[in-house]
Protein backbone atom coordinates (compact mmCIF):
# COMPACT_ATOMS: atom_id res chain seq x y z
CA UNK A 1 0.00 0.00 0.00
CA UNK A 2 1.11 3.52 -0.72
CA UNK A 3 0.21 5.93 2.08
CA UNK A 4 -0.91 9.18 0.43
CA UNK A 5 -2.92 10.77 3.25
CA UNK A 6 -1.86 10.66 6.90
CA UNK A 7 -5.53 10.73 8.02
CA UNK A 8 -6.28 7.52 6.14
CA UNK A 9 -4.76 4.25 7.29
CA UNK A 10 -3.86 2.05 4.35
CA UNK A 11 -4.42 -1.68 4.93
CA UNK A 12 -3.46 -4.27 2.35
CA UNK A 13 -5.42 -7.49 2.13
CA UNK A 14 -7.24 -9.92 -0.08
CA UNK A 15 -10.98 -10.20 -0.57
CA UNK A 16 -10.57 -13.90 0.26
CA UNK A 17 -8.73 -13.21 3.52
CA UNK A 18 -9.70 -9.89 5.04
CA UNK A 19 -7.16 -8.68 7.64
CA UNK A 20 -9.79 -7.89 10.28
CA UNK A 21 -11.16 -9.57 13.39
CA UNK A 22 -14.52 -11.36 13.35
CA UNK A 23 -17.53 -9.06 13.77
CA UNK A 24 -15.47 -5.89 13.30
CA UNK A 25 -17.76 -3.76 11.13
CA UNK A 26 -21.27 -2.31 11.21
CA UNK A 27 -21.17 -1.79 7.44
CA UNK A 28 -19.27 -3.38 4.54
CA UNK A 29 -19.34 -1.79 1.10
CA UNK A 30 -18.27 -3.90 -1.86
CA UNK A 31 -18.39 -1.99 -5.11
CA UNK A 32 -17.40 -3.71 -8.35
CA UNK A 33 -15.02 -6.15 -6.66
CA UNK A 34 -16.68 -9.54 -6.19
CA UNK A 35 -16.72 -10.42 -9.91
CA UNK A 36 -12.92 -10.62 -9.90
CA UNK A 37 -13.20 -13.78 -7.80
CA UNK A 38 -15.08 -15.41 -10.67
CA UNK A 39 -12.46 -14.21 -13.14
CA UNK A 40 -9.69 -15.66 -10.97
CA UNK A 41 -11.45 -19.02 -10.72
CA UNK A 42 -12.10 -19.14 -14.47
CA UNK A 43 -8.40 -18.51 -15.15
CA UNK A 44 -7.43 -21.33 -12.79
CA UNK A 45 -9.87 -23.74 -14.44
CA UNK A 46 -9.14 -22.76 -18.05
CA UNK A 47 -11.57 -24.01 -20.69
CA UNK A 48 -13.75 -25.72 -18.10
CA UNK A 49 -17.40 -24.86 -17.68
CA UNK A 50 -17.46 -24.44 -13.91
CA UNK A 51 -20.58 -23.65 -11.92
CA UNK A 52 -19.04 -22.97 -8.52
CA UNK A 53 -16.63 -20.16 -7.88
CA UNK A 54 -14.64 -20.76 -4.69
CA UNK A 55 -13.06 -17.29 -4.71
CA UNK A 56 -16.49 -15.61 -4.82
CA UNK A 57 -17.73 -17.98 -2.10
CA UNK A 58 -14.72 -17.25 0.11
CA UNK A 59 -15.07 -13.49 -0.43
CA UNK A 60 -18.73 -13.49 0.67
CA UNK A 61 -17.82 -15.72 3.62
CA UNK A 62 -15.16 -13.18 4.65
CA UNK A 63 -17.63 -10.30 4.38
CA UNK A 64 -20.06 -12.26 6.55
CA UNK A 65 -17.31 -13.01 9.07
CA UNK A 66 -16.25 -9.38 9.56
CA UNK A 67 -19.83 -8.03 9.77
CA UNK A 68 -21.29 -7.53 13.23
CA UNK A 69 -24.72 -9.03 13.95
CA UNK A 70 -27.22 -6.55 12.53
CA UNK A 71 -24.49 -5.17 10.26
CA UNK A 72 -25.22 -4.14 6.69
CA UNK A 73 -23.66 -5.23 3.42
CA UNK A 74 -23.97 -2.88 0.45
CA UNK A 75 -22.81 -4.70 -2.67
CA UNK A 76 -22.72 -3.55 -6.27
CA UNK A 77 -21.45 -5.77 -9.07
CA UNK A 78 -21.85 -5.81 -12.83
CA UNK A 79 -24.39 -8.12 -14.41
CA UNK A 80 -23.06 -10.67 -16.88
CA UNK A 81 -26.34 -10.53 -18.83
CA UNK A 82 -25.29 -7.04 -19.91
CA UNK A 83 -21.54 -7.53 -20.38
CA UNK A 84 -21.32 -11.19 -21.47
CA UNK A 85 -17.83 -11.60 -20.06
CA UNK A 86 -16.65 -12.89 -16.67
CA UNK A 87 -19.16 -11.01 -14.52
CA UNK A 88 -21.62 -12.80 -12.24
CA UNK A 89 -25.12 -13.54 -13.43
CA UNK A 90 -28.21 -13.23 -11.24
CA UNK A 91 -28.35 -16.91 -10.25
CA UNK A 92 -24.65 -17.10 -9.37
CA UNK A 93 -24.86 -14.02 -7.16
CA UNK A 94 -28.12 -15.09 -5.55
CA UNK A 95 -26.85 -18.61 -4.83
CA UNK A 96 -23.65 -17.51 -3.08
CA UNK A 97 -25.37 -14.77 -1.04
CA UNK A 98 -28.09 -17.18 0.16
CA UNK A 99 -25.44 -19.51 1.57
CA UNK A 100 -24.42 -16.85 4.08
CA UNK A 101 -27.35 -14.46 4.48
CA UNK A 102 -30.88 -15.52 5.39
CA UNK A 103 -32.71 -12.74 3.56
CA UNK A 104 -31.38 -11.76 0.12
CA UNK A 105 -32.93 -9.21 -2.22
CA UNK A 106 -31.08 -8.36 -5.40
CA UNK A 107 -32.15 -5.18 -7.18
CA UNK A 108 -31.42 -4.35 -10.79
CA UNK A 109 -29.68 -1.10 -11.66
CA UNK A 110 -30.26 0.44 -15.08
CA UNK A 111 -32.32 -1.95 -17.20
CA UNK A 112 -32.14 0.08 -20.42
CA UNK A 113 -30.94 -2.01 -23.39
CA UNK A 114 -27.69 -1.80 -25.28
CA UNK A 115 -28.21 -2.04 -29.02
CA UNK A 116 -24.55 -1.88 -29.94
CA UNK A 117 -21.28 -2.41 -28.10
CA UNK A 118 -19.50 -0.52 -30.82
CA UNK A 119 -21.62 2.65 -30.92
CA UNK A 120 -22.19 4.22 -27.49
CA UNK A 121 -24.87 6.49 -28.97
CA UNK A 122 -27.02 3.39 -29.43
CA UNK A 123 -26.52 2.31 -25.82
CA UNK A 124 -29.73 3.40 -24.11
CA UNK A 125 -28.25 2.51 -20.71
CA UNK A 126 -25.87 5.45 -21.26
CA UNK A 127 -28.05 7.87 -23.25
CA UNK A 128 -31.27 7.75 -21.20
CA UNK A 129 -29.62 8.33 -17.79
CA UNK A 130 -27.65 11.27 -19.23
CA UNK A 131 -30.81 12.89 -20.59
CA UNK A 132 -32.80 12.16 -17.43
CA UNK A 133 -30.09 13.67 -15.22
CA UNK A 134 -30.26 16.93 -17.19
CA UNK A 135 -34.03 17.06 -16.71
CA UNK A 136 -34.56 15.60 -13.21
CA UNK A 137 -31.15 15.89 -11.56
CA UNK A 138 -28.70 13.18 -10.61
CA UNK A 139 -30.36 11.97 -7.37
CA UNK A 140 -33.78 11.37 -8.95
CA UNK A 141 -32.15 9.76 -11.97
CA UNK A 142 -30.14 7.31 -9.86
CA UNK A 143 -33.24 6.42 -7.83
CA UNK A 144 -35.21 5.84 -11.04
CA UNK A 145 -32.60 3.40 -12.35
CA UNK A 146 -33.03 0.99 -9.42
CA UNK A 147 -35.78 -1.63 -9.77
CA UNK A 148 -36.77 -4.96 -8.22
CA UNK A 149 -37.82 -6.49 -11.53
CA UNK A 150 -35.96 -6.96 -14.77
CA UNK A 151 -36.90 -8.93 -17.85
CA UNK A 152 -34.66 -12.01 -17.96
CA UNK A 153 -32.63 -10.53 -15.07
CA UNK A 154 -31.21 -7.96 -17.47
CA UNK A 155 -29.54 -4.84 -16.08
CA UNK A 156 -26.17 -3.12 -16.17
CA UNK A 157 -25.49 -3.90 -12.50
CA UNK A 158 -26.90 -5.57 -9.41
CA UNK A 159 -27.43 -3.74 -6.15
CA UNK A 160 -27.71 -5.70 -2.91
CA UNK A 161 -28.45 -4.40 0.56
CA UNK A 162 -28.40 -7.14 3.19
CA UNK A 163 -28.67 -7.08 6.96
CA UNK A 164 -26.75 -9.79 8.80
CA UNK A 165 -29.00 -11.63 11.23
CA UNK A 166 -27.49 -13.55 14.11
């Protein structure tokens, strides 16, 4: 770690082995991180169609471990239905979260379609939020992009807010 601000303590660690004591945090925020566990597992098991991702499992287990009872997890990760790469899909994310948390609700963020990867002007998931933010402001636009229902679990990202019961 490179210490750039004396007010901020830099701690190096791995998402599969967090350097914190059990039940240390009231809140854990994971933003666009968890999908890298799937990428790591796919690289290790090259050319194999694997259904379980031990690095993702271990990462969620670690988050659960460091959360206090009643603590909150805020998790955002990209949706593979949109990107078609190494990201998690709805079922993969839901399955691993349900192993550790009793009540899981995955919301869909930005369900506007992408008509072309090549031409951003045809990507409604980019164009519509930009236009809406000019009209309604950024806060209302962000709120409007979050939904509990998506056709075929299609969205740009998933948003999860879970309370740890214990």
